Amino acid sequence: MYIFVYGTLKRAYKDLNTFTTLFHASTEWLSHAVVRGDLYLVDWYPALRLGGDNLVFGEIYRINSPVLLETIDQYEDAIAQDEYAIKLKHRAPITSDYIRKRIHIDDMECWIYEYLGEVSEDMRLENGVFEMK
């Protein structure tokens, strides 16, 4: 199981808080990677919108524990893609900030978190790289 991260879960922030430390203790860094999309700064953290012509730069990790994925969902305030589809079908309210999706990066199927909230162009990180100030 693989995950693409583009924000506070990157190696540069492994000591940011208790969860980022746990994430890095429970995963294996594999490589740098790029996806098509736009990256926005929402408060102090980044938000990704997939698609388009721009690039977002991040890292791929192997997740060594399936339980960790549920913990990441809580950290990101995310809903799984299947649950999201069911809620849409039944027109149930969606209160999560992110949706966890599967995408292909090169020959790997990776989890990725896409932002569901509102963004504006003045929030976009034009270089596609999140860096904490």
C-alpha atoms as a PDB file:
ATOM      1  CA  MET A   1       0.000   0.000   0.000  1.00  0.00           C
ATOM      2  CA  TYR A   2       1.429   3.376  -1.074  1.00  0.00           C
ATOM      3  CA  ILE A   3       0.588   7.003  -0.338  1.00  0.00           C
ATOM      4  CA  PHE A   4       1.510  10.266  -2.059  1.00  0.00           C
ATOM      5  CA  VAL A   5       1.973  13.157   0.385  1.00  0.00           C
ATOM      6  CA  TYR A   6       2.464  16.808  -0.503  1.00  0.00           C
ATOM      7  CA  GLY A   7       2.202  18.693   2.781  1.00  0.00           C
ATOM      8  CA  THR A   8       2.865  18.241   6.468  1.00  0.00           C
ATOM      9  CA  LEU A   9       3.522  14.502   6.093  1.00  0.00           C
ATOM     10  CA  LYS A  10       6.635  15.094   3.972  1.00  0.00           C
ATOM     11  CA  ARG A  11      10.031  14.152   5.445  1.00  0.00           C
ATOM     12  CA  ALA A  12      10.895  17.781   6.135  1.00  0.00           C
ATOM     13  CA  TYR A  13       8.101  17.898   8.748  1.00  0.00           C
ATOM     14  CA  LYS A  14       8.538  14.485  10.394  1.00  0.00           C
ATOM     15  CA  ASP A  15       9.001  16.180  13.786  1.00  0.00           C
ATOM     16  CA  LEU A  16       6.142  18.667  13.368  1.00  0.00           C
ATOM     17  CA  ASN A  17       3.834  16.899  15.829  1.00  0.00           C
ATOM     18  CA  THR A  18       3.084  13.519  17.398  1.00  0.00           C
ATOM     19  CA  PHE A  19       1.218  12.284  14.335  1.00  0.00           C
ATOM     20  CA  THR A  20       3.896  13.186  11.797  1.00  0.00           C
ATOM     21  CA  THR A  21       6.450  11.365  13.951  1.00  0.00           C
ATOM     22  CA  LEU A  22       4.164   8.303  14.092  1.00  0.00           C
ATOM     23  CA  PHE A  23       3.609   8.467  10.325  1.00  0.00           C
ATOM     24  CA  HIS A  24       7.328   8.359   9.606  1.00  0.00           C
ATOM     25  CA  ALA A  25       7.923   5.569  12.115  1.00  0.00           C
ATOM     26  CA  SER A  26       5.206   3.497  10.382  1.00  0.00           C
ATOM     27  CA  THR A  27       6.113   4.125   6.728  1.00  0.00           C
ATOM     28  CA  GLU A  28       9.008   3.741   4.343  1.00  0.00           C
ATOM     29  CA  TRP A  29      10.046   6.651   2.108  1.00  0.00           C
ATOM     30  CA  LEU A  30      10.308   5.501  -1.521  1.00  0.00           C
ATOM     31  CA  SER A  31      10.754   8.491  -3.808  1.00  0.00           C
ATOM     32  CA  HIS A  32       9.912  12.003  -4.821  1.00  0.00           C
ATOM     33  CA  ALA A  33       6.934  12.179  -7.185  1.00  0.00           C
ATOM     34  CA  VAL A  34       4.756  14.580  -9.147  1.00  0.00           C
ATOM     35  CA  VAL A  35       1.009  14.641  -9.858  1.00  0.00           C
ATOM     36  CA  ARG A  36      -1.088  16.915 -12.066  1.00  0.00           C
ATOM     37  CA  GLY A  37      -3.101  19.371 -10.038  1.00  0.00           C
ATOM     38  CA  ASP A  38      -3.107  22.639  -8.164  1.00  0.00           C
ATOM     39  CA  LEU A  39      -1.837  23.214  -4.657  1.00  0.00           C
ATOM     40  CA  TYR A  40      -3.401  25.856  -2.420  1.00  0.00           C
ATOM     41  CA  LEU A  41      -2.494  27.214   0.988  1.00  0.00           C
ATOM     42  CA  VAL A  42      -5.470  26.892   3.335  1.00  0.00           C
ATOM     43  CA  ASP A  43      -4.579  28.474   6.648  1.00  0.00           C
ATOM     44  CA  TRP A  44      -1.139  26.946   7.462  1.00  0.00           C
ATOM     45  CA  TYR A  45      -1.553  23.666   5.528  1.00  0.00           C
ATOM     46  CA  PRO A  46      -1.834  22.756   1.832  1.00  0.00           C
ATOM     47  CA  ALA A  47      -4.840  21.616  -0.167  1.00  0.00           C
ATOM     48  CA  LEU A  48      -4.639  19.696  -3.446  1.00  0.00           C
ATOM     49  CA  ARG A  49      -7.049  19.751  -6.365  1.00  0.00           C
ATOM     50  CA  LEU A  50      -6.241  17.024  -8.894  1.00  0.00           C
ATOM     51  CA  GLY A  51      -6.210  17.539 -12.651  1.00  0.00           C
ATOM     52  CA  GLY A  52      -5.260  20.286 -15.033  1.00  0.00           C
ATOM     53  CA  ASP A  53      -1.894  21.238 -16.444  1.00  0.00           C
ATOM     54  CA  ASN A  54       0.004  22.267 -13.310  1.00  0.00           C
ATOM     55  CA  LEU A  55       2.267  20.030 -11.235  1.00  0.00           C
ATOM     56  CA  VAL A  56       2.286  19.274  -7.508  1.00  0.00           C
ATOM     57  CA  PHE A  57       5.483  17.922  -5.992  1.00  0.00           C
ATOM     58  CA  GLY A  58       5.471  15.412  -3.156  1.00  0.00           C
ATOM     59  CA  GLU A  59       6.763  12.104  -1.866  1.00  0.00           C
ATOM     60  CA  ILE A  60       5.665   8.475  -2.026  1.00  0.00           C
ATOM     61  CA  TYR A  61       5.736   6.209   1.026  1.00  0.00           C
ATOM     62  CA  ARG A  62       4.952   2.562   1.619  1.00  0.00           C
ATOM     63  CA  ILE A  63       2.432   2.199   4.428  1.00  0.00           C
ATOM     64  CA  ASN A  64       3.390  -0.772   6.580  1.00  0.00           C
ATOM     65  CA  SER A  65       0.190  -0.845   8.653  1.00  0.00           C
ATOM     66  CA  PRO A  66      -3.394  -0.821   7.310  1.00  0.00           C
ATOM     67  CA  VAL A  67      -4.534   0.722  10.603  1.00  0.00           C
ATOM     68  CA  LEU A  68      -2.338   3.732   9.847  1.00  0.00           C
ATOM     69  CA  LEU A  69      -4.551   4.648   6.882  1.00  0.00           C
ATOM     70  CA  GLU A  70      -7.538   5.123   9.205  1.00  0.00           C
ATOM     71  CA  THR A  71      -5.389   7.277  11.483  1.00  0.00           C
ATOM     72  CA  ILE A  72      -4.293   9.402   8.515  1.00  0.00           C
ATOM     73  CA  ASP A  73      -7.968   9.838   7.587  1.00  0.00           C
ATOM     74  CA  GLN A  74      -8.592  11.242  11.066  1.00  0.00           C
ATOM     75  CA  TYR A  75      -5.527  13.509  10.895  1.00  0.00           C
ATOM     76  CA  GLU A  76      -6.632  14.850   7.488  1.00  0.00           C
ATOM     77  CA  ASP A  77     -10.368  14.946   8.377  1.00  0.00           C
ATOM     78  CA  ALA A  78     -10.910  12.776   5.293  1.00  0.00           C
ATOM     79  CA  ILE A  79     -13.598  10.537   3.908  1.00  0.00           C
ATOM     80  CA  ALA A  80     -12.805   7.432   1.848  1.00  0.00           C
ATOM     81  CA  GLN A  81     -13.749   7.558  -1.839  1.00  0.00           C
ATOM     82  CA  ASP A  82     -16.325   4.741  -1.513  1.00  0.00           C
ATOM     83  CA  GLU A  83     -18.060   6.395   1.426  1.00  0.00           C
ATOM     84  CA  TYR A  84     -18.006   9.725  -0.434  1.00  0.00           C
ATOM     85  CA  ALA A  85     -19.777   8.137  -3.428  1.00  0.00           C
ATOM     86  CA  ILE A  86     -22.472   6.649  -1.185  1.00  0.00           C
ATOM     87  CA  LYS A  87     -23.085   9.999   0.517  1.00  0.00           C
ATOM     88  CA  LEU A  88     -23.346  11.740  -2.861  1.00  0.00           C
ATOM     89  CA  LYS A  89     -25.797   9.118  -4.121  1.00  0.00           C
ATOM     90  CA  HIS A  90     -28.021   9.589  -1.069  1.00  0.00           C
ATOM     91  CA  ARG A  91     -27.459  13.346  -0.957  1.00  0.00           C
ATOM     92  CA  ALA A  92     -26.131  13.072   2.586  1.00  0.00           C
ATOM     93  CA  PRO A  93     -24.081  15.966   3.940  1.00  0.00           C
ATOM     94  CA  ILE A  94     -20.321  15.687   3.534  1.00  0.00           C
ATOM     95  CA  THR A  95     -18.484  17.454   6.330  1.00  0.00           C
ATOM     96  CA  SER A  96     -14.959  16.151   5.717  1.00  0.00           C
ATOM     97  CA  ASP A  97     -12.198  18.436   4.469  1.00  0.00           C
ATOM     98  CA  TYR A  98     -10.574  15.823   2.191  1.00  0.00           C
ATOM     99  CA  ILE A  99     -11.423  12.757   0.158  1.00  0.00           C
ATOM    100  CA  ARG A 100      -8.986   9.828   0.089  1.00  0.00           C
ATOM    101  CA  LYS A 101      -8.634   8.558  -3.481  1.00  0.00           C
ATOM    102  CA  ARG A 102      -6.565   6.010  -5.366  1.00  0.00           C
ATOM    103  CA  ILE A 103      -4.469   7.286  -8.244  1.00  0.00           C
ATOM    104  CA  HIS A 104      -1.716   5.836 -10.403  1.00  0.00           C
ATOM    105  CA  ILE A 105       1.729   7.390 -10.264  1.00  0.00           C
ATOM    106  CA  ASP A 106       4.018   5.679 -12.728  1.00  0.00           C
ATOM    107  CA  ASP A 107       3.342   1.974 -12.074  1.00  0.00           C
ATOM    108  CA  MET A 108       2.169   2.376  -8.459  1.00  0.00           C
ATOM    109  CA  GLU A 109      -1.351   2.689  -7.144  1.00  0.00           C
ATOM    110  CA  CYS A 110      -1.215   5.328  -4.408  1.00  0.00           C
ATOM    111  CA  TRP A 111      -3.597   6.866  -1.942  1.00  0.00           C
ATOM    112  CA  ILE A 112      -3.854  10.639  -2.151  1.00  0.00           C
ATOM    113  CA  TYR A 113      -5.892  13.243  -0.286  1.00  0.00           C
ATOM    114  CA  GLU A 114      -7.813  15.775  -2.375  1.00  0.00           C
ATOM    115  CA  TYR A 115      -9.321  18.893  -0.802  1.00  0.00           C
ATOM    116  CA  LEU A 116     -13.111  19.267  -0.855  1.00  0.00           C
ATOM    117  CA  GLY A 117     -13.389  22.835   0.453  1.00  0.00           C
ATOM    118  CA  GLU A 118     -13.461  26.158  -1.318  1.00  0.00           C
ATOM    119  CA  VAL A 119     -10.254  27.608  -2.748  1.00  0.00           C
ATOM    120  CA  SER A 120      -9.403  30.736  -4.670  1.00  0.00           C
ATOM    121  CA  GLU A 121      -6.627  31.539  -7.124  1.00  0.00           C
ATOM    122  CA  ASP A 122      -4.958  33.935  -4.688  1.00  0.00           C
ATOM    123  CA  MET A 123      -4.378  30.897  -2.408  1.00  0.00           C
ATOM    124  CA  ARG A 124      -2.646  28.839  -5.143  1.00  0.00           C
ATOM    125  CA  LEU A 125       1.003  27.875  -4.672  1.00  0.00           C
ATOM    126  CA  GLU A 126       2.201  28.460  -8.216  1.00  0.00           C
ATOM    127  CA  ASN A 127       5.352  26.362  -7.876  1.00  0.00           C
ATOM    128  CA  GLY A 128       3.368  23.310  -6.677  1.00  0.00           C
ATOM    129  CA  VAL A 129       5.513  22.941  -3.564  1.00  0.00           C
ATOM    130  CA  PHE A 130       4.346  23.262   0.057  1.00  0.00           C
ATOM    131  CA  GLU A 131       6.902  24.731   2.454  1.00  0.00           C
ATOM    132  CA  MET A 132       6.130  25.813   6.000  1.00  0.00           C
ATOM    133  CA  LYS A 133       7.283  29.311   6.784  1.00  0.00           C
END
